[in-house]
Amino acid sequence: MLTDLASLFNSLYAADGFAAVYDPVADLLSLNHPLTEFKTLFIQNTDPGLDLVEQVQLIPAPASIVLLGIGLWTLGIAGRRVRALVDEG
């Protein structure tokens, strides 16, 4: 069924530069490139079992990674100090 849907999508939107690809192994229907906020497809969803879900992958900012590193480093230093106090006492 998804193969037919990909064929139908390609027949309607291939001229606009969009192509749908169905991967039967992963059972995944995807577009050849992501839609930006300026490229939107206006279609009506007539199948109540089909929901179009946008997949967003968040990439952590460099500052977040630096803060995580500082926090882990601080925990390591605190652990060493506690261990040194326990060994002395």
PDB file of N, CA and C in Angstrom:
ATOM      1  N   MET A   1       0.823  -1.190   0.000  1.00  0.00           N
ATOM      2  CA  MET A   1       0.000   0.000   0.000  1.00  0.00           C
ATOM      3  C   MET A   1       0.876   1.268   0.000  1.00  0.00           C
ATOM      4  N   LEU A   2       1.956   1.259   0.779  1.00  0.00           N
ATOM      5  CA  LEU A   2       2.809   2.445   0.822  1.00  0.00           C
ATOM      6  C   LEU A   2       3.563   2.635  -0.492  1.00  0.00           C
ATOM      7  N   THR A   3       3.812   1.560  -1.211  1.00  0.00           N
ATOM      8  CA  THR A   3       4.430   1.685  -2.523  1.00  0.00           C
ATOM      9  C   THR A   3       3.493   2.431  -3.464  1.00  0.00           C
ATOM     10  N   ASP A   4       2.200   2.105  -3.393  1.00  0.00           N
ATOM     11  CA  ASP A   4       1.206   2.811  -4.217  1.00  0.00           C
ATOM     12  C   ASP A   4       1.104   4.275  -3.812  1.00  0.00           C
ATOM     13  N   LEU A   5       1.179   4.533  -2.513  1.00  0.00           N
ATOM     14  CA  LEU A   5       1.121   5.913  -2.034  1.00  0.00           C
ATOM     15  C   LEU A   5       2.330   6.703  -2.510  1.00  0.00           C
ATOM     16  N   ALA A   6       3.516   6.094  -2.491  1.00  0.00           N
ATOM     17  CA  ALA A   6       4.715   6.762  -2.990  1.00  0.00           C
ATOM     18  C   ALA A   6       4.586   7.053  -4.479  1.00  0.00           C
ATOM     19  N   SER A   7       4.033   6.116  -5.236  1.00  0.00           N
ATOM     20  CA  SER A   7       3.833   6.330  -6.677  1.00  0.00           C
ATOM     21  C   SER A   7       2.853   7.463  -6.938  1.00  0.00           C
ATOM     22  N   LEU A   8       1.779   7.499  -6.170  1.00  0.00           N
ATOM     23  CA  LEU A   8       0.798   8.573  -6.321  1.00  0.00           C
ATOM     24  C   LEU A   8       1.413   9.921  -5.970  1.00  0.00           C
ATOM     25  N   PHE A   9       2.155   9.977  -4.872  1.00  0.00           N
ATOM     26  CA  PHE A   9       2.812  11.217  -4.472  1.00  0.00           C
ATOM     27  C   PHE A   9       3.770  11.691  -5.552  1.00  0.00           C
ATOM     28  N   ASN A  10       4.569  10.771  -6.087  1.00  0.00           N
ATOM     29  CA  ASN A  10       5.532  11.136  -7.128  1.00  0.00           C
ATOM     30  C   ASN A  10       4.841  11.625  -8.383  1.00  0.00           C
ATOM     31  N   SER A  11       3.692  11.045  -8.732  1.00  0.00           N
ATOM     32  CA  SER A  11       2.983  11.508  -9.919  1.00  0.00           C
ATOM     33  C   SER A  11       2.432  12.917  -9.735  1.00  0.00           C
ATOM     34  N   LEU A  12       2.131  13.288  -8.489  1.00  0.00           N
ATOM     35  CA  LEU A  12       1.569  14.618  -8.230  1.00  0.00           C
ATOM     36  C   LEU A  12       2.635  15.686  -8.008  1.00  0.00           C
ATOM     37  N   TYR A  13       3.747  15.318  -7.341  1.00  0.00           N
ATOM     38  CA  TYR A  13       4.693  16.336  -6.898  1.00  0.00           C
ATOM     39  C   TYR A  13       6.103  16.207  -7.477  1.00  0.00           C
ATOM     40  N   ALA A  14       6.349  15.253  -8.354  1.00  0.00           N
ATOM     41  CA  ALA A  14       7.692  15.097  -8.915  1.00  0.00           C
ATOM     42  C   ALA A  14       8.101  16.314  -9.741  1.00  0.00           C
ATOM     43  N   ALA A  15       7.147  16.949 -10.406  1.00  0.00           N
ATOM     44  CA  ALA A  15       7.465  18.137 -11.198  1.00  0.00           C
ATOM     45  C   ALA A  15       7.905  19.303 -10.318  1.00  0.00           C
ATOM     46  N   ASP A  16       7.507  19.300  -9.048  1.00  0.00           N
ATOM     47  CA  ASP A  16       7.887  20.362  -8.110  1.00  0.00           C
ATOM     48  C   ASP A  16       9.207  20.062  -7.400  1.00  0.00           C
ATOM     49  N   GLY A  17       9.829  18.930  -7.719  1.00  0.00           N
ATOM     50  CA  GLY A  17      11.113  18.602  -7.117  1.00  0.00           C
ATOM     51  C   GLY A  17      11.029  17.707  -5.902  1.00  0.00           C
ATOM     52  N   PHE A  18       9.846  17.198  -5.582  1.00  0.00           N
ATOM     53  CA  PHE A  18       9.684  16.313  -4.432  1.00  0.00           C
ATOM     54  C   PHE A  18       9.539  14.879  -4.918  1.00  0.00           C
ATOM     55  N   ALA A  19      10.130  13.968  -4.200  1.00  0.00           N
ATOM     56  CA  ALA A  19       9.994  12.551  -4.532  1.00  0.00           C
ATOM     57  C   ALA A  19       9.853  11.761  -3.242  1.00  0.00           C
ATOM     58  N   ALA A  20       8.929  10.818  -3.254  1.00  0.00           N
ATOM     59  CA  ALA A  20       8.727   9.948  -2.103  1.00  0.00           C
ATOM     60  C   ALA A  20       9.397   8.609  -2.379  1.00  0.00           C
ATOM     61  N   VAL A  21      10.005   8.066  -1.337  1.00  0.00           N
ATOM     62  CA  VAL A  21      10.693   6.790  -1.448  1.00  0.00           C
ATOM     63  C   VAL A  21      10.167   5.882  -0.343  1.00  0.00           C
ATOM     64  N   TYR A  22       9.816   4.665  -0.730  1.00  0.00           N
ATOM     65  CA  TYR A  22       9.355   3.689   0.267  1.00  0.00           C
ATOM     66  C   TYR A  22      10.425   2.635   0.460  1.00  0.00           C
ATOM     67  N   ASP A  23      10.806   2.426   1.723  1.00  0.00           N
ATOM     68  CA  ASP A  23      11.778   1.395   2.082  1.00  0.00           C
ATOM     69  C   ASP A  23      11.014   0.243   2.729  1.00  0.00           C
ATOM     70  N   PRO A  24      10.851  -0.881   2.005  1.00  0.00           N
ATOM     71  CA  PRO A  24      10.050  -1.981   2.568  1.00  0.00           C
ATOM     72  C   PRO A  24      10.723  -2.682   3.748  1.00  0.00           C
ATOM     73  N   VAL A  25      12.028  -2.622   3.849  1.00  0.00           N
ATOM     74  CA  VAL A  25      12.718  -3.276   4.961  1.00  0.00           C
ATOM     75  C   VAL A  25      12.420  -2.536   6.272  1.00  0.00           C
ATOM     76  N   ALA A  26      12.529  -1.200   6.223  1.00  0.00           N
ATOM     77  CA  ALA A  26      12.256  -0.388   7.421  1.00  0.00           C
ATOM     78  C   ALA A  26      10.789  -0.011   7.528  1.00  0.00           C
ATOM     79  N   ASP A  27      10.003  -0.328   6.488  1.00  0.00           N
ATOM     80  CA  ASP A  27       8.591   0.060   6.410  1.00  0.00           C
ATOM     81  C   ASP A  27       8.443   1.563   6.642  1.00  0.00           C
ATOM     82  N   LEU A  28       9.218   2.334   5.853  1.00  0.00           N
ATOM     83  CA  LEU A  28       9.302   3.776   6.027  1.00  0.00           C
ATOM     84  C   LEU A  28       9.063   4.478   4.698  1.00  0.00           C
ATOM     85  N   LEU A  29       8.171   5.424   4.698  1.00  0.00           N
ATOM     86  CA  LEU A  29       7.894   6.261   3.532  1.00  0.00           C
ATOM     87  C   LEU A  29       8.472   7.640   3.823  1.00  0.00           C
ATOM     88  N   SER A  30       9.387   8.113   2.981  1.00  0.00           N
ATOM     89  CA  SER A  30      10.034   9.391   3.257  1.00  0.00           C
ATOM     90  C   SER A  30      10.179  10.197   1.978  1.00  0.00           C
ATOM     91  N   LEU A  31      10.423  11.493   2.159  1.00  0.00           N
ATOM     92  CA  LEU A  31      10.680  12.390   1.039  1.00  0.00           C
ATOM     93  C   LEU A  31      12.171  12.437   0.771  1.00  0.00           C
ATOM     94  N   ASN A  32      12.536  12.835  -0.452  1.00  0.00           N
ATOM     95  CA  ASN A  32      13.957  12.847  -0.812  1.00  0.00           C
ATOM     96  C   ASN A  32      14.716  13.980  -0.134  1.00  0.00           C
ATOM     97  N   HIS A  33      14.039  15.022   0.329  1.00  0.00           N
ATOM     98  CA  HIS A  33      14.674  16.088   1.092  1.00  0.00           C
ATOM     99  C   HIS A  33      13.634  16.705   2.020  1.00  0.00           C
ATOM    100  N   PRO A  34      14.064  17.256   3.158  1.00  0.00           N
ATOM    101  CA  PRO A  34      13.106  17.788   4.133  1.00  0.00           C
ATOM    102  C   PRO A  34      12.410  19.042   3.625  1.00  0.00           C
ATOM    103  N   LEU A  35      11.210  19.248   4.107  1.00  0.00           N
ATOM    104  CA  LEU A  35      10.462  20.456   3.782  1.00  0.00           C
ATOM    105  C   LEU A  35      10.902  21.578   4.700  1.00  0.00           C
ATOM    106  N   THR A  36      11.125  22.742   4.146  1.00  0.00           N
ATOM    107  CA  THR A  36      11.433  23.899   4.973  1.00  0.00           C
ATOM    108  C   THR A  36      10.127  24.602   5.307  1.00  0.00           C
ATOM    109  N   GLU A  37      10.215  25.630   6.103  1.00  0.00           N
ATOM    110  CA  GLU A  37       8.998  26.361   6.462  1.00  0.00           C
ATOM    111  C   GLU A  37       8.405  27.084   5.256  1.00  0.00           C
ATOM    112  N   PHE A  38       9.196  27.264   4.198  1.00  0.00           N
ATOM    113  CA  PHE A  38       8.702  27.946   3.017  1.00  0.00           C
ATOM    114  C   PHE A  38       8.154  26.980   1.973  1.00  0.00           C
ATOM    115  N   LYS A  39       8.505  25.707   2.090  1.00  0.00           N
ATOM    116  CA  LYS A  39       7.999  24.688   1.176  1.00  0.00           C
ATOM    117  C   LYS A  39       7.016  23.828   1.954  1.00  0.00           C
ATOM    118  N   THR A  40       5.767  23.971   1.681  1.00  0.00           N
ATOM    119  CA  THR A  40       4.745  23.231   2.394  1.00  0.00           C
ATOM    120  C   THR A  40       3.816  22.576   1.390  1.00  0.00           C
ATOM    121  N   LEU A  41       3.452  21.359   1.657  1.00  0.00           N
ATOM    122  CA  LEU A  41       2.495  20.657   0.818  1.00  0.00           C
ATOM    123  C   LEU A  41       1.132  20.758   1.481  1.00  0.00           C
ATOM    124  N   PHE A  42       0.160  21.272   0.772  1.00  0.00           N
ATOM    125  CA  PHE A  42      -1.187  21.383   1.292  1.00  0.00           C
ATOM    126  C   PHE A  42      -2.016  20.268   0.676  1.00  0.00           C
ATOM    127  N   ILE A  43      -2.207  19.214   1.450  1.00  0.00           N
ATOM    128  CA  ILE A  43      -3.039  18.112   0.986  1.00  0.00           C
ATOM    129  C   ILE A  43      -3.984  17.751   2.118  1.00  0.00           C
ATOM    130  N   GLN A  44      -5.088  17.150   1.753  1.00  0.00           N
ATOM    131  CA  GLN A  44      -6.065  16.762   2.755  1.00  0.00           C
ATOM    132  C   GLN A  44      -5.828  15.309   3.127  1.00  0.00           C
ATOM    133  N   ASN A  45      -5.812  15.038   4.401  1.00  0.00           N
ATOM    134  CA  ASN A  45      -5.634  13.679   4.885  1.00  0.00           C
ATOM    135  C   ASN A  45      -7.008  13.033   4.962  1.00  0.00           C
ATOM    136  N   THR A  46      -7.311  12.178   3.998  1.00  0.00           N
ATOM    137  CA  THR A  46      -8.617  11.520   3.980  1.00  0.00           C
ATOM    138  C   THR A  46      -8.575  10.146   4.639  1.00  0.00           C
ATOM    139  N   ASP A  47      -7.397   9.647   4.954  1.00  0.00           N
ATOM    140  CA  ASP A  47      -7.254   8.355   5.606  1.00  0.00           C
ATOM    141  C   ASP A  47      -7.034   8.584   7.099  1.00  0.00           C
ATOM    142  N   PRO A  48      -7.998   8.221   7.952  1.00  0.00           N
ATOM    143  CA  PRO A  48      -7.826   8.483   9.379  1.00  0.00           C
ATOM    144  C   PRO A  48      -6.703   7.670  10.008  1.00  0.00           C
ATOM    145  N   GLY A  49      -6.209   6.640   9.336  1.00  0.00           N
ATOM    146  CA  GLY A  49      -5.128   5.841   9.881  1.00  0.00           C
ATOM    147  C   GLY A  49      -3.757   6.346   9.481  1.00  0.00           C
ATOM    148  N   LEU A  50      -3.695   7.367   8.648  1.00  0.00           N
ATOM    149  CA  LEU A  50      -2.424   7.882   8.162  1.00  0.00           C
ATOM    150  C   LEU A  50      -2.173   9.249   8.766  1.00  0.00           C
ATOM    151  N   ASP A  51      -1.149   9.358   9.565  1.00  0.00           N
ATOM    152  CA  ASP A  51      -0.777  10.635  10.167  1.00  0.00           C
ATOM    153  C   ASP A  51       0.596  11.017   9.648  1.00  0.00           C
ATOM    154  N   LEU A  52       0.723  12.236   9.151  1.00  0.00           N
ATOM    155  CA  LEU A  52       2.005  12.729   8.682  1.00  0.00           C
ATOM    156  C   LEU A  52       2.733  13.332   9.869  1.00  0.00           C
ATOM    157  N   VAL A  53       3.844  12.746  10.246  1.00  0.00           N
ATOM    158  CA  VAL A  53       4.592  13.159  11.423  1.00  0.00           C
ATOM    159  C   VAL A  53       5.933  13.713  10.972  1.00  0.00           C
ATOM    160  N   GLU A  54       6.248  14.903  11.421  1.00  0.00           N
ATOM    161  CA  GLU A  54       7.534  15.510  11.104  1.00  0.00           C
ATOM    162  C   GLU A  54       8.564  15.003  12.103  1.00  0.00           C
ATOM    163  N   GLN A  55       9.678  14.524  11.592  1.00  0.00           N
ATOM    164  CA  GLN A  55      10.732  14.037  12.467  1.00  0.00           C
ATOM    165  C   GLN A  55      11.783  15.125  12.598  1.00  0.00           C
ATOM    166  N   VAL A  56      11.976  15.586  13.826  1.00  0.00           N
ATOM    167  CA  VAL A  56      12.947  16.636  14.092  1.00  0.00           C
ATOM    168  C   VAL A  56      14.042  16.043  14.964  1.00  0.00           C
ATOM    169  N   GLN A  57      15.258  16.246  14.561  1.00  0.00           N
ATOM    170  CA  GLN A  57      16.378  15.777  15.363  1.00  0.00           C
ATOM    171  C   GLN A  57      17.076  17.001  15.940  1.00  0.00           C
ATOM    172  N   LEU A  58      17.091  17.069  17.255  1.00  0.00           N
ATOM    173  CA  LEU A  58      17.725  18.194  17.920  1.00  0.00           C
ATOM    174  C   LEU A  58      19.208  17.918  18.087  1.00  0.00           C
ATOM    175  N   ILE A  59      20.013  18.871  17.714  1.00  0.00           N
ATOM    176  CA  ILE A  59      21.459  18.763  17.868  1.00  0.00           C
ATOM    177  C   ILE A  59      21.862  19.708  18.983  1.00  0.00           C
ATOM    178  N   PRO A  60      22.533  19.192  20.010  1.00  0.00           N
ATOM    179  CA  PRO A  60      22.881  20.067  21.130  1.00  0.00           C
ATOM    180  C   PRO A  60      23.861  21.159  20.708  1.00  0.00           C
ATOM    181  N   ALA A  61      23.657  22.326  21.257  1.00  0.00           N
ATOM    182  CA  ALA A  61      24.537  23.453  20.960  1.00  0.00           C
ATOM    183  C   ALA A  61      25.892  23.213  21.624  1.00  0.00           C
ATOM    184  N   PRO A  62      26.952  23.794  21.082  1.00  0.00           N
ATOM    185  CA  PRO A  62      28.278  23.608  21.688  1.00  0.00           C
ATOM    186  C   PRO A  62      28.323  24.053  23.153  1.00  0.00           C
ATOM    187  N   ALA A  63      27.585  25.081  23.506  1.00  0.00           N
ATOM    188  CA  ALA A  63      27.581  25.552  24.895  1.00  0.00           C
ATOM    189  C   ALA A  63      27.006  24.488  25.824  1.00  0.00           C
ATOM    190  N   SER A  64      26.004  23.754  25.376  1.00  0.00           N
ATOM    191  CA  SER A  64      25.422  22.690  26.201  1.00  0.00           C
ATOM    192  C   SER A  64      26.439  21.590  26.446  1.00  0.00           C
ATOM    193  N   ILE A  65      27.197  21.253  25.425  1.00  0.00           N
ATOM    194  CA  ILE A  65      28.211  20.214  25.574  1.00  0.00           C
ATOM    195  C   ILE A  65      29.309  20.678  26.530  1.00  0.00           C
ATOM    196  N   VAL A  66      29.688  21.952  26.454  1.00  0.00           N
ATOM    197  CA  VAL A  66      30.699  22.498  27.357  1.00  0.00           C
ATOM    198  C   VAL A  66      30.187  22.471  28.796  1.00  0.00           C
ATOM    199  N   LEU A  67      28.935  22.850  29.005  1.00  0.00           N
ATOM    200  CA  LEU A  67      28.364  22.828  30.354  1.00  0.00           C
ATOM    201  C   LEU A  67      28.312  21.407  30.902  1.00  0.00           C
ATOM    202  N   LEU A  68      27.972  20.449  30.065  1.00  0.00           N
ATOM    203  CA  LEU A  68      27.958  19.059  30.498  1.00  0.00           C
ATOM    204  C   LEU A  68      29.363  18.615  30.890  1.00  0.00           C
ATOM    205  N   GLY A  69      30.347  18.988  30.102  1.00  0.00           N
ATOM    206  CA  GLY A  69      31.736  18.637  30.409  1.00  0.00           C
ATOM    207  C   GLY A  69      32.204  19.248  31.719  1.00  0.00           C
ATOM    208  N   ILE A  70      31.862  20.510  31.944  1.00  0.00           N
ATOM    209  CA  ILE A  70      32.241  21.177  33.196  1.00  0.00           C
ATOM    210  C   ILE A  70      31.573  20.498  34.384  1.00  0.00           C
ATOM    211  N   GLY A  71      30.307  20.132  34.229  1.00  0.00           N
ATOM    212  CA  GLY A  71      29.597  19.450  35.314  1.00  0.00           C
ATOM    213  C   GLY A  71      30.208  18.106  35.640  1.00  0.00           C
ATOM    214  N   LEU A  72      30.552  17.327  34.613  1.00  0.00           N
ATOM    215  CA  LEU A  72      31.186  16.029  34.856  1.00  0.00           C
ATOM    216  C   LEU A  72      32.567  16.191  35.483  1.00  0.00           C
ATOM    217  N   TRP A  73      33.305  17.165  35.033  1.00  0.00           N
ATOM    218  CA  TRP A  73      34.629  17.435  35.595  1.00  0.00           C
ATOM    219  C   TRP A  73      34.504  17.807  37.076  1.00  0.00           C
ATOM    220  N   THR A  74      33.516  18.658  37.413  1.00  0.00           N
ATOM    221  CA  THR A  74      33.287  19.083  38.795  1.00  0.00           C
ATOM    222  C   THR A  74      32.917  17.883  39.664  1.00  0.00           C
ATOM    223  N   LEU A  75      32.069  16.994  39.142  1.00  0.00           N
ATOM    224  CA  LEU A  75      31.713  15.797  39.912  1.00  0.00           C
ATOM    225  C   LEU A  75      32.938  14.909  40.139  1.00  0.00           C
ATOM    226  N   GLY A  76      33.810  14.833  39.164  1.00  0.00           N
ATOM    227  CA  GLY A  76      35.023  14.035  39.315  1.00  0.00           C
ATOM    228  C   GLY A  76      35.936  14.612  40.389  1.00  0.00           C
ATOM    229  N   ILE A  77      36.122  15.930  40.391  1.00  0.00           N
ATOM    230  CA  ILE A  77      36.956  16.589  41.400  1.00  0.00           C
ATOM    231  C   ILE A  77      36.351  16.401  42.792  1.00  0.00           C
ATOM    232  N   ALA A  78      35.024  16.575  42.904  1.00  0.00           N
ATOM    233  CA  ALA A  78      34.363  16.411  44.208  1.00  0.00           C
ATOM    234  C   ALA A  78      34.500  14.971  44.694  1.00  0.00           C
ATOM    235  N   GLY A  79      34.392  14.012  43.792  1.00  0.00           N
ATOM    236  CA  GLY A  79      34.552  12.607  44.179  1.00  0.00           C
ATOM    237  C   GLY A  79      35.951  12.316  44.683  1.00  0.00           C
ATOM    238  N   ARG A  80      36.953  12.889  44.050  1.00  0.00           N
ATOM    239  CA  ARG A  80      38.334  12.681  44.498  1.00  0.00           C
ATOM    240  C   ARG A  80      38.550  13.264  45.894  1.00  0.00           C
ATOM    241  N   ARG A  81      37.976  14.460  46.141  1.00  0.00           N
ATOM    242  CA  ARG A  81      38.145  15.092  47.458  1.00  0.00           C
ATOM    243  C   ARG A  81      37.461  14.276  48.550  1.00  0.00           C
ATOM    244  N   VAL A  82      36.278  13.770  48.265  1.00  0.00           N
ATOM    245  CA  VAL A  82      35.562  12.946  49.254  1.00  0.00           C
ATOM    246  C   VAL A  82      36.344  11.677  49.531  1.00  0.00           C
ATOM    247  N   ARG A  83      36.848  11.048  48.493  1.00  0.00           N
ATOM    248  CA  ARG A  83      37.629   9.836  48.645  1.00  0.00           C
ATOM    249  C   ARG A  83      38.912  10.100  49.455  1.00  0.00           C
ATOM    250  N   ALA A  84      39.539  11.255  49.217  1.00  0.00           N
ATOM    251  CA  ALA A  84      40.759  11.603  49.956  1.00  0.00           C
ATOM    252  C   ALA A  84      40.433  11.825  51.441  1.00  0.00           C
ATOM    253  N   LEU A  85      39.302  12.468  51.744  1.00  0.00           N
ATOM    254  CA  LEU A  85      38.907  12.682  53.140  1.00  0.00           C
ATOM    255  C   LEU A  85      38.580  11.372  53.830  1.00  0.00           C
ATOM    256  N   VAL A  86      37.944  10.464  53.138  1.00  0.00           N
ATOM    257  CA  VAL A  86      37.603   9.166  53.740  1.00  0.00           C
ATOM    258  C   VAL A  86      38.879   8.362  54.009  1.00  0.00           C
ATOM    259  N   ASP A  87      39.839   8.424  53.093  1.00  0.00           N
ATOM    260  CA  ASP A  87      41.095   7.700  53.278  1.00  0.00           C
ATOM    261  C   ASP A  87      41.898   8.259  54.448  1.00  0.00           C
ATOM    262  N   GLU A  88      41.822   9.579  54.704  1.00  0.00           N
ATOM    263  CA  GLU A  88      42.568  10.207  55.809  1.00  0.00           C
ATOM    264  C   GLU A  88      41.948   9.877  57.161  1.00  0.00           C
ATOM    265  N   GLY A  89      40.604   9.815  57.179  1.00  0.00           N
ATOM    266  CA  GLY A  89      39.908   9.678  58.457  1.00  0.00           C
ATOM    267  C   GLY A  89      39.741   8.294  58.870  1.00  0.00           C
TER     268      GLY A  89
END
